[in-house]
């Protein structure tokens, strides 16, 4: 009988229910345009790293960042292919990830993303009516681990 040994180089997918790998959806708010813009994402959560890709009205993008199961905090860079980067910071409290995005020197706004399938009518209504966390702030300097030039 053959036994397989775990590959130490292969990431261990997250088992915390708040961070399932797979399809996610959501929106970001653009204050200058007073609109919500839909996002479709494919995310992988493993060993504290968050990676993936997606599409929204601006175009296709890739995501590289980090998450913490202890406090639910998530930070990442959404790098549009051939375009600008957007910095995201938020928290997952069991109903997806809420927080703020920022494009330096241009602006910032709110966002909410959640695993596909969680977006039933009650989740969408909650997303429309609930306030974003007020305590989320970007630090003056973006951590070097999140700089898009490293990807």
N, C-alpha and C. Protein backbone atom coordinates (compact mmCIF):
# COMPACT_ATOMS: atom_id res chain seq x y z
N UNK A 1 0.84 -1.16 0.00
CA UNK A 1 0.00 0.00 0.00
C UNK A 1 0.90 1.25 0.00
N UNK A 2 0.54 2.21 -0.86
CA UNK A 2 1.30 3.45 -0.95
C UNK A 2 0.70 4.49 -0.03
N UNK A 3 1.55 5.26 0.60
CA UNK A 3 1.08 6.39 1.38
C UNK A 3 1.68 7.65 0.77
N UNK A 4 0.93 8.72 0.85
CA UNK A 4 1.43 9.98 0.31
C UNK A 4 1.86 10.86 1.47
N UNK A 5 2.94 11.53 1.29
CA UNK A 5 3.38 12.48 2.29
C UNK A 5 3.02 13.88 1.82
N UNK A 6 2.61 14.72 2.75
CA UNK A 6 2.23 16.08 2.36
C UNK A 6 3.41 16.82 1.73
N UNK A 7 3.09 17.58 0.72
CA UNK A 7 4.10 18.39 0.04
C UNK A 7 4.30 19.68 0.85
N UNK A 8 5.47 19.90 1.44
CA UNK A 8 5.67 21.09 2.27
C UNK A 8 5.63 22.39 1.47
N UNK A 9 5.80 22.32 0.14
CA UNK A 9 5.76 23.52 -0.68
C UNK A 9 4.35 23.89 -1.11
N UNK A 10 3.41 22.97 -0.97
CA UNK A 10 2.03 23.22 -1.38
C UNK A 10 1.30 23.96 -0.25
N UNK A 11 0.59 25.06 -0.56
CA UNK A 11 -0.11 25.79 0.49
C UNK A 11 -1.24 24.97 1.09
N UNK A 12 -1.51 25.21 2.36
CA UNK A 12 -2.60 24.54 3.05
C UNK A 12 -3.82 25.44 3.01
N UNK A 13 -4.85 25.02 2.29
CA UNK A 13 -6.04 25.85 2.16
C UNK A 13 -6.65 26.09 3.54
N UNK A 14 -7.17 27.30 3.71
CA UNK A 14 -7.75 27.71 4.98
C UNK A 14 -8.97 26.87 5.33
N UNK A 15 -9.09 26.51 6.61
CA UNK A 15 -10.25 25.73 7.07
C UNK A 15 -11.24 26.61 7.83
N UNK A 16 -10.87 27.85 8.14
CA UNK A 16 -11.78 28.78 8.81
C UNK A 16 -12.93 29.10 7.85
N UNK A 17 -14.17 28.91 8.29
CA UNK A 17 -15.35 29.12 7.44
C UNK A 17 -15.48 30.53 6.89
N UNK A 18 -14.84 31.50 7.52
CA UNK A 18 -14.93 32.88 7.03
C UNK A 18 -14.12 33.10 5.75
N UNK A 19 -13.17 32.20 5.48
CA UNK A 19 -12.25 32.40 4.37
C UNK A 19 -12.23 31.21 3.41
N UNK A 20 -13.37 30.89 2.79
CA UNK A 20 -13.37 29.77 1.85
C UNK A 20 -12.75 30.16 0.51
N UNK A 21 -11.91 29.30 -0.01
CA UNK A 21 -11.35 29.52 -1.35
C UNK A 21 -12.41 29.21 -2.38
N UNK A 22 -12.41 29.97 -3.47
CA UNK A 22 -13.39 29.76 -4.53
C UNK A 22 -13.97 31.07 -5.01
N UNK A 23 -15.14 31.02 -5.64
CA UNK A 23 -15.75 32.24 -6.18
C UNK A 23 -16.32 33.14 -5.09
N UNK A 24 -16.03 34.42 -5.22
CA UNK A 24 -16.56 35.46 -4.35
C UNK A 24 -17.20 36.52 -5.23
N UNK A 25 -18.05 37.34 -4.65
CA UNK A 25 -18.68 38.44 -5.37
C UNK A 25 -18.83 39.61 -4.42
N UNK A 26 -19.19 40.75 -4.95
CA UNK A 26 -19.39 41.90 -4.11
C UNK A 26 -19.41 43.19 -4.89
N UNK A 27 -19.09 44.27 -4.21
CA UNK A 27 -19.12 45.58 -4.84
C UNK A 27 -18.14 46.51 -4.15
N UNK A 28 -17.80 47.58 -4.85
CA UNK A 28 -17.07 48.68 -4.23
C UNK A 28 -17.85 49.95 -4.51
N UNK A 29 -17.75 50.89 -3.60
CA UNK A 29 -18.43 52.17 -3.73
C UNK A 29 -17.46 53.19 -4.30
N UNK A 30 -17.93 53.96 -5.25
CA UNK A 30 -17.13 55.02 -5.87
C UNK A 30 -17.79 56.34 -5.51
N UNK A 31 -17.32 57.00 -4.45
CA UNK A 31 -17.99 58.22 -3.98
C UNK A 31 -18.11 59.33 -5.02
N UNK A 32 -17.12 59.47 -5.89
CA UNK A 32 -17.17 60.54 -6.89
C UNK A 32 -18.32 60.32 -7.88
N UNK A 33 -18.69 59.07 -8.08
CA UNK A 33 -19.76 58.76 -9.03
C UNK A 33 -21.06 58.36 -8.34
N UNK A 34 -21.04 58.28 -7.01
CA UNK A 34 -22.21 57.89 -6.21
C UNK A 34 -22.81 56.57 -6.68
N UNK A 35 -21.95 55.60 -6.98
CA UNK A 35 -22.43 54.31 -7.46
C UNK A 35 -21.75 53.15 -6.74
N UNK A 36 -22.44 52.00 -6.80
CA UNK A 36 -21.86 50.72 -6.39
C UNK A 36 -21.47 49.99 -7.66
N UNK A 37 -20.26 49.40 -7.67
CA UNK A 37 -19.80 48.67 -8.84
C UNK A 37 -19.52 47.23 -8.47
N UNK A 38 -20.12 46.32 -9.20
CA UNK A 38 -20.04 44.89 -8.94
C UNK A 38 -18.65 44.35 -9.25
N UNK A 39 -18.20 43.38 -8.42
CA UNK A 39 -16.94 42.67 -8.63
C UNK A 39 -17.22 41.18 -8.62
N UNK A 40 -16.52 40.45 -9.47
CA UNK A 40 -16.51 38.99 -9.43
C UNK A 40 -15.07 38.58 -9.18
N UNK A 41 -14.86 37.69 -8.20
CA UNK A 41 -13.51 37.31 -7.80
C UNK A 41 -13.40 35.80 -7.66
N UNK A 42 -12.20 35.31 -7.84
CA UNK A 42 -11.85 33.93 -7.52
C UNK A 42 -10.68 34.04 -6.55
N UNK A 43 -10.91 33.63 -5.30
CA UNK A 43 -9.92 33.84 -4.25
C UNK A 43 -9.43 32.52 -3.66
N UNK A 44 -8.17 32.52 -3.25
CA UNK A 44 -7.61 31.40 -2.52
C UNK A 44 -7.02 31.93 -1.22
N UNK A 45 -7.41 31.28 -0.12
CA UNK A 45 -6.90 31.63 1.20
C UNK A 45 -6.08 30.45 1.70
N UNK A 46 -4.80 30.67 1.94
CA UNK A 46 -3.93 29.58 2.39
C UNK A 46 -2.75 30.15 3.17
N UNK A 47 -2.52 29.60 4.33
CA UNK A 47 -1.35 29.96 5.14
C UNK A 47 -1.22 31.47 5.35
N UNK A 48 -2.33 32.16 5.56
CA UNK A 48 -2.30 33.59 5.81
C UNK A 48 -2.17 34.47 4.58
N UNK A 49 -2.09 33.84 3.41
CA UNK A 49 -1.97 34.61 2.16
C UNK A 49 -3.29 34.53 1.37
N UNK A 50 -3.62 35.64 0.79
CA UNK A 50 -4.84 35.77 -0.01
C UNK A 50 -4.40 36.09 -1.43
N UNK A 51 -4.78 35.24 -2.38
CA UNK A 51 -4.43 35.47 -3.79
C UNK A 51 -5.66 35.22 -4.64
N UNK A 52 -5.63 35.75 -5.84
CA UNK A 52 -6.75 35.50 -6.74
C UNK A 52 -6.76 36.45 -7.91
N UNK A 53 -7.91 36.45 -8.58
CA UNK A 53 -8.10 37.34 -9.71
C UNK A 53 -9.58 37.66 -9.82
N UNK A 54 -9.90 38.54 -10.74
CA UNK A 54 -11.30 38.92 -10.89
C UNK A 54 -11.51 39.90 -12.00
N UNK A 55 -12.74 40.42 -12.01
CA UNK A 55 -13.17 41.33 -13.07
C UNK A 55 -14.19 42.29 -12.51
N UNK A 56 -14.07 43.56 -12.90
CA UNK A 56 -15.10 44.56 -12.61
C UNK A 56 -15.16 45.53 -13.79
N UNK A 57 -15.88 46.63 -13.66
CA UNK A 57 -16.07 47.52 -14.80
C UNK A 57 -14.77 48.15 -15.29
N UNK A 58 -13.75 48.25 -14.44
CA UNK A 58 -12.46 48.81 -14.85
C UNK A 58 -11.71 47.82 -15.73
N UNK A 59 -11.82 46.52 -15.40
CA UNK A 59 -11.15 45.49 -16.18
C UNK A 59 -10.71 44.33 -15.31
N UNK A 60 -9.90 43.42 -15.88
CA UNK A 60 -9.40 42.28 -15.12
C UNK A 60 -8.31 42.71 -14.14
N UNK A 61 -8.19 41.96 -13.04
CA UNK A 61 -7.21 42.28 -12.01
C UNK A 61 -6.72 41.01 -11.33
N UNK A 62 -5.60 41.15 -10.62
CA UNK A 62 -5.09 40.09 -9.76
C UNK A 62 -5.03 40.64 -8.33
N UNK A 63 -5.08 39.73 -7.37
CA UNK A 63 -5.08 40.11 -5.96
C UNK A 63 -3.96 39.37 -5.24
N UNK A 64 -3.22 40.10 -4.42
CA UNK A 64 -2.19 39.53 -3.55
C UNK A 64 -2.29 40.24 -2.21
N UNK A 65 -2.39 39.46 -1.14
CA UNK A 65 -2.47 40.08 0.17
C UNK A 65 -2.36 39.08 1.30
N UNK A 66 -2.86 39.50 2.45
CA UNK A 66 -2.79 38.69 3.66
C UNK A 66 -4.12 38.74 4.41
N UNK A 67 -4.35 37.71 5.23
CA UNK A 67 -5.51 37.67 6.10
C UNK A 67 -5.08 37.06 7.42
N UNK A 68 -5.85 37.35 8.48
CA UNK A 68 -5.54 36.84 9.81
C UNK A 68 -6.80 36.25 10.41
N UNK A 69 -6.77 34.97 10.74
CA UNK A 69 -7.95 34.32 11.32
C UNK A 69 -8.19 34.74 12.76
N UNK A 70 -7.18 35.28 13.44
CA UNK A 70 -7.37 35.71 14.83
C UNK A 70 -8.29 36.91 14.94
N UNK A 71 -8.05 37.94 14.14
CA UNK A 71 -8.88 39.14 14.22
C UNK A 71 -9.72 39.40 12.97
N UNK A 72 -9.56 38.56 11.93
CA UNK A 72 -10.35 38.72 10.71
C UNK A 72 -9.85 39.81 9.78
N UNK A 73 -8.72 40.44 10.12
CA UNK A 73 -8.22 41.54 9.29
C UNK A 73 -7.64 41.03 7.98
N UNK A 74 -7.90 41.77 6.92
CA UNK A 74 -7.42 41.43 5.58
C UNK A 74 -6.86 42.68 4.93
N UNK A 75 -5.71 42.54 4.27
CA UNK A 75 -5.14 43.64 3.49
C UNK A 75 -4.66 43.06 2.17
N UNK A 76 -4.90 43.77 1.09
CA UNK A 76 -4.44 43.29 -0.21
C UNK A 76 -4.32 44.41 -1.22
N UNK A 77 -3.66 44.07 -2.30
CA UNK A 77 -3.55 44.97 -3.45
C UNK A 77 -4.33 44.34 -4.59
N UNK A 78 -5.16 45.14 -5.20
CA UNK A 78 -5.89 44.74 -6.41
C UNK A 78 -5.17 45.45 -7.56
N UNK A 79 -4.43 44.67 -8.33
CA UNK A 79 -3.63 45.24 -9.42
C UNK A 79 -4.36 44.99 -10.74
N UNK A 80 -4.86 46.07 -11.35
CA UNK A 80 -5.48 45.93 -12.66
C UNK A 80 -4.39 45.64 -13.68
N UNK A 81 -4.65 44.71 -14.58
CA UNK A 81 -3.65 44.33 -15.57
C UNK A 81 -3.34 45.51 -16.48
N UNK A 82 -2.08 45.92 -16.49
CA UNK A 82 -1.65 47.03 -17.32
C UNK A 82 -2.13 48.39 -16.86
N UNK A 83 -2.66 48.46 -15.63
CA UNK A 83 -3.20 49.72 -15.13
C UNK A 83 -2.72 49.98 -13.70
N UNK A 84 -3.53 50.67 -12.95
CA UNK A 84 -3.21 51.10 -11.59
C UNK A 84 -3.49 50.02 -10.55
N UNK A 85 -2.99 50.27 -9.34
CA UNK A 85 -3.22 49.39 -8.21
C UNK A 85 -4.18 50.07 -7.23
N UNK A 86 -4.95 49.25 -6.52
CA UNK A 86 -5.86 49.73 -5.49
C UNK A 86 -5.54 48.97 -4.21
N UNK A 87 -5.41 49.70 -3.09
CA UNK A 87 -5.11 49.09 -1.80
C UNK A 87 -6.41 48.87 -1.03
N UNK A 88 -6.58 47.67 -0.49
CA UNK A 88 -7.78 47.31 0.26
C UNK A 88 -7.40 46.92 1.68
N UNK A 89 -8.27 47.29 2.62
CA UNK A 89 -8.11 46.87 4.00
C UNK A 89 -9.50 46.67 4.58
N UNK A 90 -9.70 45.53 5.25
CA UNK A 90 -11.01 45.27 5.81
C UNK A 90 -10.98 44.18 6.86
N UNK A 91 -12.18 43.80 7.29
CA UNK A 91 -12.35 42.78 8.31
C UNK A 91 -13.44 41.81 7.89
N UNK A 92 -13.24 40.56 8.26
CA UNK A 92 -14.24 39.53 8.04
C UNK A 92 -14.81 39.15 9.39
N UNK A 93 -16.07 39.47 9.59
CA UNK A 93 -16.75 39.15 10.84
C UNK A 93 -17.81 38.09 10.63
N UNK A 94 -17.65 37.28 9.59
CA UNK A 94 -18.57 36.19 9.34
C UNK A 94 -19.60 36.44 8.25
N UNK A 95 -19.65 37.65 7.71
CA UNK A 95 -20.58 37.95 6.62
C UNK A 95 -19.85 38.57 5.45
N UNK A 96 -18.69 38.01 5.14
CA UNK A 96 -17.86 38.55 4.07
C UNK A 96 -16.86 39.54 4.63
N UNK A 97 -16.19 40.23 3.72
CA UNK A 97 -15.15 41.18 4.12
C UNK A 97 -15.65 42.59 3.80
N UNK A 98 -15.65 43.46 4.82
CA UNK A 98 -16.05 44.86 4.70
C UNK A 98 -14.83 45.74 4.91
N UNK A 99 -14.81 46.88 4.29
CA UNK A 99 -13.70 47.79 4.57
C UNK A 99 -13.62 48.94 3.60
N UNK A 100 -12.38 49.39 3.40
CA UNK A 100 -12.14 50.53 2.52
C UNK A 100 -11.08 50.21 1.48
N UNK A 101 -11.19 50.86 0.34
CA UNK A 101 -10.17 50.80 -0.71
C UNK A 101 -9.59 52.19 -0.84
N UNK A 102 -8.37 52.25 -1.39
CA UNK A 102 -7.76 53.55 -1.60
C UNK A 102 -6.83 53.51 -2.80
N UNK A 103 -6.93 54.55 -3.62
CA UNK A 103 -5.96 54.80 -4.69
C UNK A 103 -5.26 56.08 -4.27
N UNK A 104 -3.98 55.96 -3.98
CA UNK A 104 -3.23 57.11 -3.46
C UNK A 104 -3.38 58.31 -4.38
N UNK A 105 -3.53 59.46 -3.79
CA UNK A 105 -3.64 60.74 -4.47
C UNK A 105 -4.94 60.89 -5.27
N UNK A 106 -5.79 59.87 -5.28
CA UNK A 106 -7.02 59.97 -6.08
C UNK A 106 -8.27 59.91 -5.22
N UNK A 107 -8.37 58.89 -4.36
CA UNK A 107 -9.56 58.80 -3.54
C UNK A 107 -9.67 57.46 -2.83
N UNK A 108 -10.78 57.34 -2.11
CA UNK A 108 -11.06 56.12 -1.37
C UNK A 108 -12.56 55.92 -1.26
N UNK A 109 -12.94 54.71 -0.89
CA UNK A 109 -14.34 54.39 -0.74
C UNK A 109 -14.49 53.08 0.01
N UNK A 110 -15.71 52.61 0.11
CA UNK A 110 -15.99 51.38 0.82
C UNK A 110 -16.15 50.20 -0.12
N UNK A 111 -16.16 49.00 0.46
CA UNK A 111 -16.41 47.78 -0.31
C UNK A 111 -16.99 46.71 0.59
N UNK A 112 -17.58 45.72 -0.03
CA UNK A 112 -18.05 44.52 0.65
C UNK A 112 -17.96 43.38 -0.36
N UNK A 113 -17.26 42.29 0.03
CA UNK A 113 -17.22 41.07 -0.79
C UNK A 113 -17.60 39.90 0.09
N UNK A 114 -18.16 38.85 -0.54
CA UNK A 114 -18.59 37.68 0.20
C UNK A 114 -18.51 36.46 -0.69
N UNK A 115 -18.42 35.26 -0.07
CA UNK A 115 -18.37 34.04 -0.88
C UNK A 115 -19.66 33.87 -1.68
N UNK A 116 -19.51 33.43 -2.92
CA UNK A 116 -20.68 33.18 -3.75
C UNK A 116 -21.59 32.21 -3.02
N UNK A 117 -22.89 32.47 -3.08
CA UNK A 117 -23.84 31.62 -2.39
C UNK A 117 -24.31 32.24 -1.08
N UNK A 118 -23.52 33.14 -0.51
CA UNK A 118 -23.91 33.85 0.70
C UNK A 118 -24.78 35.04 0.33
N UNK A 119 -24.86 35.35 -0.95
CA UNK A 119 -25.49 36.60 -1.40
C UNK A 119 -26.99 36.48 -1.61
N UNK A 120 -27.68 35.77 -0.75
CA UNK A 120 -29.13 35.70 -0.85
C UNK A 120 -29.74 37.06 -0.60
N UNK A 121 -31.03 37.14 -0.73
CA UNK A 121 -31.72 38.41 -0.59
C UNK A 121 -31.40 39.09 0.73
N UNK A 122 -31.36 38.33 1.83
CA UNK A 122 -31.10 38.95 3.13
C UNK A 122 -29.69 39.53 3.20
N UNK A 123 -28.69 38.86 2.62
CA UNK A 123 -27.33 39.38 2.63
C UNK A 123 -27.22 40.65 1.80
N UNK A 124 -27.89 40.67 0.65
CA UNK A 124 -27.81 41.86 -0.20
C UNK A 124 -28.48 43.04 0.48
N UNK A 125 -29.63 42.82 1.15
CA UNK A 125 -30.29 43.92 1.84
C UNK A 125 -29.44 44.40 3.00
N UNK A 126 -28.81 43.48 3.71
CA UNK A 126 -27.93 43.88 4.81
C UNK A 126 -26.78 44.70 4.27
N UNK A 127 -26.24 44.31 3.13
CA UNK A 127 -25.11 45.01 2.55
C UNK A 127 -25.50 46.43 2.16
N UNK A 128 -26.75 46.63 1.75
CA UNK A 128 -27.19 47.95 1.35
C UNK A 128 -27.44 48.86 2.54
N UNK A 129 -27.82 48.28 3.69
CA UNK A 129 -28.26 49.11 4.79
C UNK A 129 -27.22 49.30 5.88
N UNK A 130 -26.22 48.45 5.99
CA UNK A 130 -25.27 48.55 7.08
C UNK A 130 -24.14 49.51 6.77
N UNK A 131 -23.66 50.17 7.80
CA UNK A 131 -22.55 51.09 7.66
C UNK A 131 -21.24 50.32 7.61
N UNK A 132 -20.26 50.90 6.96
CA UNK A 132 -18.92 50.33 6.94
C UNK A 132 -18.25 50.57 8.28
N UNK A 133 -17.34 49.70 8.68
CA UNK A 133 -16.62 49.93 9.94
C UNK A 133 -15.90 51.28 9.90
N UNK A 134 -16.05 52.05 10.96
CA UNK A 134 -15.44 53.37 11.01
C UNK A 134 -13.98 53.32 11.43
N UNK A 135 -13.55 52.20 11.99
CA UNK A 135 -12.21 52.14 12.56
C UNK A 135 -11.13 51.77 11.56
N UNK A 136 -11.48 51.50 10.33
CA UNK A 136 -10.48 51.06 9.36
C UNK A 136 -9.73 52.26 8.83
N UNK A 137 -8.38 52.20 8.87
CA UNK A 137 -7.54 53.28 8.38
C UNK A 137 -6.34 52.70 7.67
N UNK A 138 -5.94 53.34 6.61
CA UNK A 138 -4.71 52.97 5.96
C UNK A 138 -3.56 53.62 6.71
N UNK A 139 -2.48 52.89 6.83
CA UNK A 139 -1.29 53.45 7.43
C UNK A 139 -0.66 54.42 6.43
N UNK A 140 0.20 55.29 6.94
CA UNK A 140 0.86 56.24 6.04
C UNK A 140 1.66 55.54 4.96
N UNK A 141 2.31 54.46 5.32
CA UNK A 141 3.12 53.71 4.36
C UNK A 141 2.47 52.37 4.09
N UNK A 142 2.42 51.98 2.84
CA UNK A 142 1.92 50.66 2.48
C UNK A 142 3.02 49.66 2.79
N UNK A 143 2.68 48.55 3.51
CA UNK A 143 3.72 47.57 3.81
C UNK A 143 4.38 47.07 2.53
N UNK A 144 5.70 46.91 2.57
CA UNK A 144 6.44 46.46 1.38
C UNK A 144 5.89 45.15 0.85
N UNK A 145 5.33 44.31 1.73
CA UNK A 145 4.81 43.02 1.29
C UNK A 145 3.57 43.18 0.41
N UNK A 146 2.98 44.38 0.37
CA UNK A 146 1.79 44.60 -0.45
C UNK A 146 2.04 45.48 -1.66
N UNK A 147 3.26 45.91 -1.86
CA UNK A 147 3.55 46.74 -3.02
C UNK A 147 3.37 45.93 -4.30
N UNK A 148 2.62 46.44 -5.28
CA UNK A 148 2.36 45.68 -6.50
C UNK A 148 3.61 45.36 -7.30
N UNK A 149 4.67 46.12 -7.13
CA UNK A 149 5.87 45.86 -7.90
C UNK A 149 6.53 44.54 -7.51
N UNK A 150 6.14 43.99 -6.36
CA UNK A 150 6.73 42.73 -5.91
C UNK A 150 6.05 41.51 -6.53
N UNK A 151 4.97 41.70 -7.27
CA UNK A 151 4.22 40.56 -7.79
C UNK A 151 4.58 40.29 -9.22
